[in-house]
Amino acid sequence: MLRLLLRLLLALAVVPAAGAPLAAQAVQAPDRPLADAELQSLAQRALTAVGQATGIELAGVVPVRVAEADEVARILAKELEPQLRAQGIDSAIVADQAEMSGEFLAAILLAKYAFSAKEILVLPEHQAEFAAALEMPELATRDGLLMLLLHEAVHAA
């Protein structure tokens, strides 16, 4: 079921540029590191599409960048701490629980909208790992990355 859902999301993720035919937007699997110009181009497509759907200006407003898992873990821990406190977790262990949860989640995320910094963080090394584990090579394509950026752009909206 998860594979079917991911395939559906991937198929929907191909957002054509204005007036360009869908076939012209196909991209190849990444056989080289993700260049920042490629990331920014895909990010602008995703942010523009979500902005048009929601009426909220995102393109040029929400930064998108590559991040390391340890940085994402720290951001997650900061974001999770108030939620854990609100759940009534013993204040003596909240910081440790948030840190452990942040580390766990950062290890399984492909991208994250960081609410605190209002930016999208991308973990491209996880993209290839998940594609192999799920036997979904299309996840490790630029279109797969576009799908992730679309999802994170919805959080930004």
N, C-alpha and C. Protein backbone atom coordinates (compact mmCIF):
# COMPACT_ATOMS: atom_id res chain seq x y z
N MET A 1 0.82 -1.19 0.00
CA MET A 1 0.00 0.00 0.00
C MET A 1 0.87 1.26 0.00
N LEU A 2 1.93 1.25 0.85
CA LEU A 2 2.83 2.39 0.91
C LEU A 2 3.48 2.62 -0.45
N ARG A 3 3.91 1.55 -1.11
CA ARG A 3 4.53 1.68 -2.43
C ARG A 3 3.55 2.29 -3.43
N LEU A 4 2.30 1.86 -3.39
CA LEU A 4 1.30 2.40 -4.30
C LEU A 4 1.08 3.88 -4.04
N LEU A 5 0.99 4.26 -2.78
CA LEU A 5 0.80 5.66 -2.43
C LEU A 5 1.99 6.50 -2.89
N LEU A 6 3.19 6.01 -2.66
CA LEU A 6 4.38 6.75 -3.09
C LEU A 6 4.43 6.88 -4.61
N ARG A 7 4.05 5.82 -5.32
CA ARG A 7 4.02 5.89 -6.79
C ARG A 7 3.00 6.92 -7.27
N LEU A 8 1.84 6.95 -6.62
CA LEU A 8 0.81 7.92 -6.98
C LEU A 8 1.30 9.34 -6.73
N LEU A 9 1.89 9.56 -5.57
CA LEU A 9 2.42 10.89 -5.26
C LEU A 9 3.51 11.28 -6.24
N LEU A 10 4.35 10.33 -6.61
CA LEU A 10 5.42 10.62 -7.56
C LEU A 10 4.83 11.00 -8.92
N ALA A 11 3.80 10.29 -9.34
CA ALA A 11 3.16 10.60 -10.63
C ALA A 11 2.54 11.99 -10.61
N LEU A 12 1.97 12.37 -9.48
CA LEU A 12 1.35 13.69 -9.36
C LEU A 12 2.37 14.81 -9.19
N ALA A 13 3.59 14.45 -8.84
CA ALA A 13 4.60 15.46 -8.51
C ALA A 13 5.18 16.16 -9.72
N VAL A 14 5.01 15.62 -10.87
CA VAL A 14 5.61 16.23 -12.05
C VAL A 14 4.78 17.45 -12.43
N VAL A 15 5.23 18.59 -11.97
CA VAL A 15 4.53 19.85 -12.18
C VAL A 15 5.17 20.55 -13.38
N PRO A 16 4.49 20.63 -14.52
CA PRO A 16 5.10 21.26 -15.67
C PRO A 16 5.33 22.75 -15.47
N ALA A 17 6.40 23.24 -16.03
CA ALA A 17 6.64 24.68 -16.04
C ALA A 17 5.57 25.30 -16.94
N ALA A 18 5.35 26.58 -16.79
CA ALA A 18 4.28 27.25 -17.53
C ALA A 18 4.37 26.97 -19.02
N GLY A 19 3.37 26.31 -19.55
CA GLY A 19 3.28 26.08 -20.98
C GLY A 19 4.13 24.95 -21.51
N ALA A 20 4.97 24.35 -20.70
CA ALA A 20 5.85 23.29 -21.19
C ALA A 20 5.11 21.96 -21.15
N PRO A 21 5.28 21.13 -22.18
CA PRO A 21 4.63 19.83 -22.16
C PRO A 21 5.22 18.95 -21.05
N LEU A 22 4.40 18.07 -20.51
CA LEU A 22 4.82 17.23 -19.40
C LEU A 22 6.06 16.41 -19.75
N ALA A 23 6.14 15.84 -20.95
CA ALA A 23 7.28 15.01 -21.33
C ALA A 23 8.58 15.80 -21.29
N ALA A 24 8.52 17.09 -21.55
CA ALA A 24 9.74 17.90 -21.54
C ALA A 24 10.26 18.12 -20.14
N GLN A 25 9.46 17.80 -19.14
CA GLN A 25 9.86 18.05 -17.76
C GLN A 25 10.51 16.84 -17.10
N ALA A 26 10.57 15.71 -17.79
CA ALA A 26 11.16 14.51 -17.20
C ALA A 26 12.62 14.77 -16.85
N VAL A 27 13.05 14.19 -15.76
CA VAL A 27 14.44 14.33 -15.35
C VAL A 27 15.02 12.95 -15.10
N GLN A 28 16.31 12.85 -15.15
CA GLN A 28 16.98 11.57 -14.99
C GLN A 28 17.34 11.31 -13.54
N ALA A 29 17.57 10.06 -13.24
CA ALA A 29 17.99 9.68 -11.90
C ALA A 29 19.32 10.36 -11.58
N PRO A 30 19.50 10.74 -10.34
CA PRO A 30 20.74 11.43 -9.98
C PRO A 30 21.93 10.48 -9.96
N ASP A 31 22.82 10.63 -10.91
CA ASP A 31 24.04 9.84 -10.93
C ASP A 31 25.21 10.71 -10.50
N ARG A 32 24.89 11.87 -10.00
CA ARG A 32 25.89 12.81 -9.51
C ARG A 32 25.27 13.57 -8.35
N PRO A 33 26.08 14.22 -7.53
CA PRO A 33 25.50 14.98 -6.41
C PRO A 33 24.54 16.05 -6.91
N LEU A 34 23.60 16.36 -6.08
CA LEU A 34 22.60 17.36 -6.40
C LEU A 34 23.25 18.75 -6.41
N ALA A 35 23.20 19.39 -7.55
CA ALA A 35 23.74 20.76 -7.65
C ALA A 35 22.72 21.73 -7.06
N ASP A 36 23.23 22.77 -6.43
CA ASP A 36 22.33 23.75 -5.81
C ASP A 36 21.40 24.37 -6.83
N ALA A 37 21.89 24.62 -8.04
CA ALA A 37 21.03 25.22 -9.07
C ALA A 37 19.86 24.30 -9.41
N GLU A 38 20.11 22.99 -9.43
CA GLU A 38 19.03 22.02 -9.68
C GLU A 38 18.02 22.03 -8.54
N LEU A 39 18.54 22.02 -7.32
CA LEU A 39 17.66 22.05 -6.16
C LEU A 39 16.80 23.31 -6.17
N GLN A 40 17.40 24.44 -6.43
CA GLN A 40 16.65 25.70 -6.43
C GLN A 40 15.61 25.73 -7.55
N SER A 41 15.94 25.17 -8.71
CA SER A 41 14.99 25.12 -9.81
C SER A 41 13.77 24.25 -9.44
N LEU A 42 14.03 23.07 -8.89
CA LEU A 42 12.93 22.20 -8.45
C LEU A 42 12.13 22.85 -7.33
N ALA A 43 12.84 23.50 -6.41
CA ALA A 43 12.17 24.15 -5.29
C ALA A 43 11.23 25.24 -5.78
N GLN A 44 11.68 26.03 -6.74
CA GLN A 44 10.82 27.11 -7.25
C GLN A 44 9.59 26.54 -7.94
N ARG A 45 9.75 25.42 -8.66
CA ARG A 45 8.58 24.77 -9.28
C ARG A 45 7.58 24.33 -8.21
N ALA A 46 8.08 23.68 -7.16
CA ALA A 46 7.20 23.19 -6.10
C ALA A 46 6.55 24.34 -5.35
N LEU A 47 7.33 25.33 -4.98
CA LEU A 47 6.79 26.46 -4.22
C LEU A 47 5.79 27.26 -5.05
N THR A 48 6.06 27.40 -6.33
CA THR A 48 5.14 28.11 -7.22
C THR A 48 3.82 27.35 -7.34
N ALA A 49 3.92 26.03 -7.53
CA ALA A 49 2.70 25.22 -7.68
C ALA A 49 1.83 25.28 -6.42
N VAL A 50 2.45 25.12 -5.27
CA VAL A 50 1.68 25.16 -4.02
C VAL A 50 1.17 26.58 -3.77
N GLY A 51 1.97 27.56 -4.11
CA GLY A 51 1.52 28.95 -3.97
C GLY A 51 0.32 29.25 -4.83
N GLN A 52 0.32 28.73 -6.06
CA GLN A 52 -0.83 28.94 -6.94
C GLN A 52 -2.07 28.23 -6.40
N ALA A 53 -1.88 27.06 -5.84
CA ALA A 53 -3.02 26.29 -5.32
C ALA A 53 -3.59 26.90 -4.05
N THR A 54 -2.75 27.54 -3.25
CA THR A 54 -3.20 28.06 -1.96
C THR A 54 -3.41 29.57 -1.94
N GLY A 55 -2.85 30.27 -2.91
CA GLY A 55 -2.93 31.72 -2.91
C GLY A 55 -1.92 32.36 -1.97
N ILE A 56 -0.97 31.57 -1.49
CA ILE A 56 0.06 32.07 -0.57
C ILE A 56 1.38 32.15 -1.34
N GLU A 57 2.02 33.30 -1.31
CA GLU A 57 3.29 33.47 -2.01
C GLU A 57 4.39 32.71 -1.28
N LEU A 58 4.96 31.71 -1.93
CA LEU A 58 6.03 30.91 -1.33
C LEU A 58 7.33 31.03 -2.11
N ALA A 59 7.24 31.06 -3.45
CA ALA A 59 8.43 31.12 -4.29
C ALA A 59 9.20 32.41 -4.00
N GLY A 60 10.48 32.26 -3.75
CA GLY A 60 11.31 33.41 -3.43
C GLY A 60 11.20 33.85 -1.98
N VAL A 61 10.31 33.21 -1.21
CA VAL A 61 10.09 33.57 0.18
C VAL A 61 10.62 32.47 1.12
N VAL A 62 10.38 31.22 0.75
CA VAL A 62 10.78 30.08 1.58
C VAL A 62 12.11 29.53 1.05
N PRO A 63 13.18 29.66 1.83
CA PRO A 63 14.46 29.11 1.38
C PRO A 63 14.44 27.58 1.38
N VAL A 64 15.22 26.99 0.48
CA VAL A 64 15.36 25.54 0.38
C VAL A 64 16.86 25.25 0.29
N ARG A 65 17.31 24.31 1.11
CA ARG A 65 18.73 23.97 1.08
C ARG A 65 18.96 22.54 1.53
N VAL A 66 20.13 22.02 1.18
CA VAL A 66 20.56 20.70 1.62
C VAL A 66 21.02 20.81 3.07
N ALA A 67 20.69 19.82 3.86
CA ALA A 67 21.09 19.79 5.26
C ALA A 67 21.61 18.40 5.61
N GLU A 68 22.34 18.33 6.68
CA GLU A 68 22.82 17.06 7.22
C GLU A 68 21.83 16.57 8.27
N ALA A 69 21.79 15.26 8.46
CA ALA A 69 20.84 14.67 9.41
C ALA A 69 21.04 15.19 10.83
N ASP A 70 22.29 15.44 11.24
CA ASP A 70 22.50 15.92 12.61
C ASP A 70 21.91 17.31 12.82
N GLU A 71 21.96 18.16 11.80
CA GLU A 71 21.35 19.48 11.90
C GLU A 71 19.82 19.35 11.99
N VAL A 72 19.25 18.49 11.17
CA VAL A 72 17.80 18.27 11.19
C VAL A 72 17.39 17.70 12.54
N ALA A 73 18.21 16.82 13.12
CA ALA A 73 17.90 16.25 14.43
C ALA A 73 17.83 17.34 15.50
N ARG A 74 18.77 18.29 15.45
CA ARG A 74 18.75 19.38 16.43
C ARG A 74 17.50 20.26 16.26
N ILE A 75 17.15 20.54 15.01
CA ILE A 75 15.95 21.35 14.74
C ILE A 75 14.70 20.63 15.22
N LEU A 76 14.62 19.34 14.92
CA LEU A 76 13.46 18.57 15.37
C LEU A 76 13.36 18.55 16.89
N ALA A 77 14.49 18.37 17.56
CA ALA A 77 14.46 18.34 19.02
C ALA A 77 13.91 19.65 19.58
N LYS A 78 14.32 20.77 19.01
CA LYS A 78 13.81 22.07 19.47
C LYS A 78 12.31 22.20 19.21
N GLU A 79 11.87 21.69 18.05
CA GLU A 79 10.44 21.78 17.72
C GLU A 79 9.60 20.82 18.55
N LEU A 80 10.17 19.68 18.93
CA LEU A 80 9.42 18.67 19.67
C LEU A 80 9.32 18.97 21.17
N GLU A 81 10.28 19.67 21.70
CA GLU A 81 10.32 19.90 23.14
C GLU A 81 9.02 20.52 23.68
N PRO A 82 8.51 21.61 23.08
CA PRO A 82 7.25 22.17 23.60
C PRO A 82 6.07 21.20 23.48
N GLN A 83 6.07 20.39 22.43
CA GLN A 83 4.99 19.42 22.27
C GLN A 83 5.03 18.36 23.37
N LEU A 84 6.24 17.93 23.70
CA LEU A 84 6.38 16.93 24.77
C LEU A 84 5.97 17.52 26.12
N ARG A 85 6.34 18.77 26.35
CA ARG A 85 5.93 19.43 27.60
C ARG A 85 4.40 19.52 27.68
N ALA A 86 3.77 19.85 26.56
CA ALA A 86 2.32 19.99 26.52
C ALA A 86 1.62 18.66 26.77
N GLN A 87 2.33 17.55 26.50
CA GLN A 87 1.75 16.22 26.75
C GLN A 87 1.92 15.79 28.19
N GLY A 88 2.57 16.64 28.98
CA GLY A 88 2.72 16.33 30.40
C GLY A 88 3.89 15.42 30.72
N ILE A 89 4.81 15.28 29.79
CA ILE A 89 5.99 14.43 30.05
C ILE A 89 6.84 15.10 31.12
N ASP A 90 7.37 14.29 32.00
CA ASP A 90 8.20 14.77 33.11
C ASP A 90 9.26 15.74 32.58
N SER A 91 9.28 16.94 33.13
CA SER A 91 10.18 17.98 32.64
C SER A 91 11.65 17.59 32.78
N ALA A 92 11.96 16.66 33.67
CA ALA A 92 13.35 16.21 33.86
C ALA A 92 13.85 15.41 32.66
N ILE A 93 12.94 14.84 31.87
CA ILE A 93 13.38 14.01 30.74
C ILE A 93 12.95 14.56 29.38
N VAL A 94 12.26 15.70 29.38
CA VAL A 94 11.77 16.25 28.11
C VAL A 94 12.89 16.48 27.11
N ALA A 95 13.98 17.10 27.55
CA ALA A 95 15.07 17.41 26.62
C ALA A 95 15.66 16.13 26.03
N ASP A 96 15.86 15.11 26.87
CA ASP A 96 16.40 13.84 26.38
C ASP A 96 15.44 13.17 25.40
N GLN A 97 14.15 13.18 25.74
CA GLN A 97 13.14 12.58 24.86
C GLN A 97 13.10 13.32 23.51
N ALA A 98 13.15 14.63 23.55
CA ALA A 98 13.12 15.41 22.32
C ALA A 98 14.36 15.13 21.48
N GLU A 99 15.51 15.03 22.12
CA GLU A 99 16.75 14.74 21.40
C GLU A 99 16.71 13.36 20.75
N MET A 100 16.27 12.36 21.50
CA MET A 100 16.18 11.00 20.95
C MET A 100 15.17 10.94 19.80
N SER A 101 14.04 11.59 19.97
CA SER A 101 13.03 11.61 18.91
C SER A 101 13.55 12.33 17.67
N GLY A 102 14.24 13.44 17.88
CA GLY A 102 14.82 14.19 16.77
C GLY A 102 15.82 13.37 16.00
N GLU A 103 16.68 12.65 16.71
CA GLU A 103 17.68 11.80 16.05
C GLU A 103 17.01 10.69 15.25
N PHE A 104 15.99 10.06 15.84
CA PHE A 104 15.28 8.99 15.14
C PHE A 104 14.61 9.52 13.88
N LEU A 105 13.87 10.61 14.01
CA LEU A 105 13.14 11.15 12.87
C LEU A 105 14.09 11.66 11.78
N ALA A 106 15.17 12.28 12.17
CA ALA A 106 16.13 12.80 11.19
C ALA A 106 16.74 11.67 10.37
N ALA A 107 16.84 10.49 10.95
CA ALA A 107 17.41 9.35 10.24
C ALA A 107 16.47 8.78 9.19
N ILE A 108 15.17 9.09 9.30
CA ILE A 108 14.21 8.53 8.35
C ILE A 108 13.55 9.57 7.45
N LEU A 109 13.91 10.82 7.63
CA LEU A 109 13.32 11.88 6.80
C LEU A 109 14.08 12.07 5.50
N LEU A 110 13.35 12.43 4.48
CA LEU A 110 13.94 12.78 3.19
C LEU A 110 14.03 14.29 3.05
N ALA A 111 13.13 14.98 3.69
CA ALA A 111 13.11 16.44 3.68
C ALA A 111 12.27 16.89 4.87
N LYS A 112 12.43 18.16 5.25
CA LYS A 112 11.68 18.68 6.40
C LYS A 112 11.48 20.16 6.24
N TYR A 113 10.24 20.61 6.49
CA TYR A 113 10.00 22.04 6.62
C TYR A 113 10.29 22.40 8.06
N ALA A 114 11.29 23.23 8.28
CA ALA A 114 11.65 23.66 9.63
C ALA A 114 10.80 24.88 9.96
N PHE A 115 9.83 24.70 10.84
CA PHE A 115 8.91 25.78 11.20
C PHE A 115 9.65 26.93 11.88
N SER A 116 10.65 26.60 12.68
CA SER A 116 11.37 27.64 13.42
C SER A 116 12.13 28.58 12.48
N ALA A 117 12.78 28.03 11.47
CA ALA A 117 13.56 28.86 10.53
C ALA A 117 12.77 29.20 9.27
N LYS A 118 11.59 28.60 9.13
CA LYS A 118 10.74 28.82 7.94
C LYS A 118 11.51 28.53 6.65
N GLU A 119 12.13 27.33 6.62
CA GLU A 119 12.88 26.89 5.44
C GLU A 119 12.70 25.39 5.25
N ILE A 120 12.91 24.95 4.01
CA ILE A 120 12.82 23.53 3.69
C ILE A 120 14.24 22.97 3.65
N LEU A 121 14.44 21.90 4.39
CA LEU A 121 15.73 21.22 4.46
C LEU A 121 15.62 19.90 3.72
N VAL A 122 16.57 19.60 2.87
CA VAL A 122 16.55 18.40 2.04
C VAL A 122 17.73 17.51 2.43
N LEU A 123 17.46 16.21 2.53
CA LEU A 123 18.49 15.23 2.85
C LEU A 123 18.65 14.27 1.66
N PRO A 124 19.36 14.68 0.61
CA PRO A 124 19.41 13.88 -0.61
C PRO A 124 20.05 12.51 -0.44
N GLU A 125 20.94 12.34 0.54
CA GLU A 125 21.56 11.03 0.72
C GLU A 125 20.53 10.00 1.17
N HIS A 126 19.50 10.43 1.88
CA HIS A 126 18.44 9.51 2.31
C HIS A 126 17.56 9.10 1.13
N GLN A 127 17.45 9.96 0.13
CA GLN A 127 16.59 9.68 -1.03
C GLN A 127 17.03 8.39 -1.71
N ALA A 128 18.32 8.23 -1.97
CA ALA A 128 18.82 7.03 -2.64
C ALA A 128 18.66 5.80 -1.75
N GLU A 129 18.91 5.96 -0.44
CA GLU A 129 18.77 4.85 0.49
C GLU A 129 17.34 4.34 0.53
N PHE A 130 16.36 5.24 0.60
CA PHE A 130 14.96 4.84 0.63
C PHE A 130 14.53 4.22 -0.68
N ALA A 131 15.00 4.76 -1.80
CA ALA A 131 14.66 4.20 -3.11
C ALA A 131 15.09 2.75 -3.19
N ALA A 132 16.28 2.46 -2.71
CA ALA A 132 16.77 1.08 -2.73
C ALA A 132 15.98 0.20 -1.77
N ALA A 133 15.75 0.69 -0.55
CA ALA A 133 15.04 -0.11 0.45
C ALA A 133 13.61 -0.41 0.03
N LEU A 134 12.96 0.54 -0.61
CA LEU A 134 11.56 0.35 -1.04
C LEU A 134 11.45 -0.24 -2.44
N GLU A 135 12.61 -0.48 -3.07
CA GLU A 135 12.66 -0.97 -4.45
C GLU A 135 11.84 -0.06 -5.37
N MET A 136 12.05 1.25 -5.19
CA MET A 136 11.38 2.27 -5.99
C MET A 136 12.42 3.22 -6.56
N PRO A 137 13.10 2.82 -7.63
CA PRO A 137 14.17 3.67 -8.16
C PRO A 137 13.68 5.06 -8.54
N GLU A 138 12.41 5.20 -8.87
CA GLU A 138 11.89 6.51 -9.25
C GLU A 138 11.93 7.51 -8.10
N LEU A 139 11.99 7.02 -6.86
CA LEU A 139 12.10 7.91 -5.72
C LEU A 139 13.44 8.65 -5.72
N ALA A 140 14.46 8.04 -6.30
CA ALA A 140 15.80 8.63 -6.33
C ALA A 140 16.03 9.45 -7.59
N THR A 141 14.95 9.96 -8.17
CA THR A 141 15.07 10.81 -9.35
C THR A 141 14.81 12.26 -8.96
N ARG A 142 15.06 13.14 -9.89
CA ARG A 142 14.76 14.54 -9.65
C ARG A 142 13.24 14.72 -9.49
N ASP A 143 12.45 13.92 -10.19
CA ASP A 143 11.00 13.98 -10.00
C ASP A 143 10.62 13.52 -8.59
N GLY A 144 11.34 12.54 -8.07
CA GLY A 144 11.11 12.11 -6.69
C GLY A 144 11.40 13.24 -5.72
N LEU A 145 12.46 13.97 -5.98
CA LEU A 145 12.79 15.12 -5.14
C LEU A 145 11.72 16.20 -5.27
N LEU A 146 11.21 16.39 -6.47
CA LEU A 146 10.14 17.36 -6.67
C LEU A 146 8.92 16.99 -5.84
N MET A 147 8.60 15.70 -5.79
CA MET A 147 7.48 15.23 -4.98
C MET A 147 7.70 15.60 -3.51
N LEU A 148 8.91 15.39 -3.02
CA LEU A 148 9.21 15.72 -1.63
C LEU A 148 9.09 17.23 -1.38
N LEU A 149 9.59 18.00 -2.33
CA LEU A 149 9.52 19.46 -2.18
C LEU A 149 8.08 19.95 -2.21
N LEU A 150 7.25 19.35 -3.03
CA LEU A 150 5.83 19.70 -3.05
C LEU A 150 5.20 19.44 -1.68
N HIS A 151 5.51 18.29 -1.12
CA HIS A 151 4.97 17.94 0.20
C HIS A 151 5.42 18.95 1.25
N GLU A 152 6.71 19.28 1.27
CA GLU A 152 7.22 20.23 2.26
C GLU A 152 6.68 21.64 2.03
N ALA A 153 6.46 21.99 0.77
CA ALA A 153 5.90 23.32 0.45
C ALA A 153 4.49 23.46 1.02
N VAL A 154 3.74 22.34 1.08
CA VAL A 154 2.41 22.39 1.69
C VAL A 154 2.54 22.74 3.17
N HIS A 155 3.54 22.18 3.85
CA HIS A 155 3.77 22.55 5.26
C HIS A 155 4.09 24.05 5.37
N ALA A 156 4.85 24.55 4.43
CA ALA A 156 5.24 25.96 4.46
C ALA A 156 4.05 26.88 4.26
N ALA A 157 3.07 26.40 3.51
CA ALA A 157 1.88 27.22 3.25
C ALA A 157 1.06 27.32 4.52
